[in-house]
Amino acid sequence: QVQLVESGGGLVQPRGSLRLSCAASGSIRSINAMGWYRQAPGKQREMVATITSGGITNYADSVKGRFTISRDNAKNTVFLQMNSLKPEDTAVYYCNADLAYLRFGLLRQGDYWGQGTQVTVSS
C-alpha cells in the first residue's frame, strides 16, 4: 500500500529555517504532482506549495520568496525548504501526492496524504 512519510518538523525561532521532506513508498507507478499543505489552529487547511513531475511549481502568496519546493523523482521524494520563518507559519504541515499505484494487481489513481508534521515558530 502507498505510504507517505514526513520528517523535518520541529521548533524553530523566527527568521530561522527548516527543511521538510516527504518520501512516498509502495507499489507506485508514477506521481503526477506532490505538494505541501498546512493547517493552523482555528484555520482551514491551505496549499503552501506544489510541484509537478515536470518541475512546475506553485506557491501560496504568503510564502513566496521564503519557501522553496523541490522534488527527487527517482526517489519519489518532495522537499520544502522554509527560510525566514514567521510565527504565522506555525501549523501542522501535510504532504500530498497525486499518484498512480497498484492495488490487488490493478492500476489505480489516488490522492494520498502524510500524517502531518508540526512546525512551530516561536522565540
Protein backbone atom coordinates (compact mmCIF):
# COMPACT_ATOMS: atom_id res chain seq x y z
CA GLN A 1 0.00 0.00 0.00
CA VAL A 2 1.08 3.59 -0.54
CA GLN A 3 2.62 5.43 2.36
CA LEU A 4 3.90 8.99 2.71
CA VAL A 5 6.47 9.55 5.46
CA GLU A 6 7.30 13.10 6.53
CA SER A 7 10.25 14.39 8.51
CA GLY A 8 11.98 17.63 9.42
CA GLY A 9 9.40 19.42 11.52
CA GLY A 10 10.14 20.92 14.89
CA LEU A 11 10.61 24.10 16.87
CA VAL A 12 12.49 27.00 15.31
CA GLN A 13 12.98 30.67 16.15
CA PRO A 14 11.60 33.46 13.99
CA ARG A 15 13.83 34.17 10.99
CA GLY A 16 15.16 30.64 11.22
CA SER A 17 14.97 27.80 8.69
CA LEU A 18 13.69 24.26 8.43
CA ARG A 19 13.62 21.71 5.66
CA LEU A 20 10.76 19.25 5.43
CA SER A 21 10.93 16.05 3.45
CA CYS A 22 8.31 13.54 2.37
CA ALA A 23 9.02 10.16 0.81
CA ALA A 24 6.34 8.13 -0.92
CA SER A 25 6.68 4.36 -0.90
CA GLY A 26 4.70 1.34 -2.01
CA SER A 27 3.62 -0.04 -5.36
CA ILE A 28 3.84 3.35 -7.05
CA ARG A 29 3.93 3.53 -10.82
CA SER A 30 4.03 7.28 -11.29
CA ILE A 31 3.49 10.54 -9.42
CA ASN A 32 1.82 13.40 -11.23
CA ALA A 33 2.33 16.00 -8.53
CA MET A 34 3.33 16.41 -4.90
CA GLY A 35 2.76 19.25 -2.53
CA TRP A 36 2.69 20.68 0.95
CA TYR A 37 -0.37 21.91 2.79
CA ARG A 38 -0.73 23.32 6.28
CA GLN A 39 -3.40 23.85 8.88
CA ALA A 40 -3.07 26.25 11.79
CA PRO A 41 -5.36 26.17 14.83
CA GLY A 42 -8.73 27.65 14.02
CA LYS A 43 -7.98 27.95 10.31
CA GLN A 44 -8.72 25.94 7.19
CA ARG A 45 -6.11 23.78 5.55
CA GLU A 46 -4.34 25.71 2.82
CA MET A 47 -2.00 24.96 -0.02
CA VAL A 48 1.58 26.00 0.64
CA ALA A 49 3.43 24.77 -2.43
CA THR A 50 3.04 22.16 -5.16
CA ILE A 51 5.31 20.74 -7.82
CA THR A 52 4.55 18.58 -10.84
CA SER A 53 6.69 15.75 -12.13
CA GLY A 54 7.92 18.18 -14.76
CA GLY A 55 9.07 20.69 -12.16
CA ILE A 56 6.30 23.28 -12.44
CA THR A 57 5.80 24.94 -9.06
CA ASN A 58 3.04 26.89 -7.41
CA TYR A 59 3.22 28.81 -4.13
CA ALA A 60 0.83 30.50 -1.76
CA ASP A 61 1.32 34.26 -1.78
CA SER A 62 2.18 34.20 1.92
CA VAL A 63 5.29 32.07 1.37
CA LYS A 64 6.60 33.32 -1.96
CA GLY A 65 10.23 34.32 -1.71
CA ARG A 66 10.69 32.42 1.55
CA PHE A 67 9.81 28.78 0.79
CA THR A 68 11.15 26.58 -1.98
CA ILE A 69 9.66 23.27 -3.04
CA SER A 70 11.77 20.68 -4.85
CA ARG A 71 11.44 17.07 -5.88
CA ASP A 72 13.58 13.99 -6.43
CA ASN A 73 11.52 11.98 -8.89
CA ALA A 74 13.83 8.96 -8.74
CA LYS A 75 13.18 8.62 -5.01
CA ASN A 76 9.54 9.77 -5.00
CA THR A 77 10.50 12.45 -2.52
CA VAL A 78 9.47 16.07 -2.14
CA PHE A 79 11.17 18.74 -0.04
CA LEU A 80 10.13 22.08 1.37
CA GLN A 81 12.92 24.48 2.28
CA MET A 82 11.50 27.09 4.64
CA ASN A 83 13.53 30.23 5.27
CA SER A 84 12.79 33.46 7.12
CA LEU A 85 10.17 31.70 9.17
CA LYS A 86 7.49 33.72 10.93
CA PRO A 87 5.24 32.86 13.87
CA GLU A 88 2.29 32.79 11.47
CA ASP A 89 3.94 29.84 9.70
CA THR A 90 3.19 27.73 12.76
CA ALA A 91 0.96 24.86 11.67
CA VAL A 92 0.75 21.16 11.02
CA TYR A 93 2.25 20.57 7.59
CA TYR A 94 0.90 17.77 5.43
CA CYS A 95 2.48 16.12 2.42
CA ASN A 96 0.24 15.24 -0.52
CA ALA A 97 0.79 13.12 -3.61
CA ASP A 98 -1.35 12.58 -6.69
CA LEU A 99 -0.17 9.23 -7.96
CA ALA A 100 -0.84 6.01 -9.82
CA TYR A 101 -0.32 2.77 -7.91
CA LEU A 102 -1.05 -0.94 -7.89
CA ARG A 103 -3.72 -2.39 -5.63
CA PHE A 104 -4.57 -6.08 -5.92
CA GLY A 105 -2.64 -6.09 -9.17
CA LEU A 106 -4.73 -3.31 -10.69
CA LEU A 107 -3.56 0.15 -11.66
CA ARG A 108 -5.35 2.89 -9.77
CA GLN A 109 -5.16 6.66 -9.38
CA GLY A 110 -5.36 8.27 -5.98
CA ASP A 111 -4.69 11.28 -3.80
CA TYR A 112 -2.68 10.39 -0.68
CA TRP A 113 -1.72 12.32 2.43
CA GLY A 114 1.01 12.04 5.00
CA GLN A 115 0.34 12.00 8.72
CA GLY A 116 1.39 15.61 9.21
CA THR A 117 4.38 17.14 10.96
CA GLN A 118 4.28 20.00 13.43
CA VAL A 119 6.19 23.19 12.66
CA THR A 120 6.33 25.71 15.49
CA VAL A 121 7.94 29.12 15.02
CA SER A 122 8.43 30.82 18.36
CA SER A 123 11.04 32.73 20.30
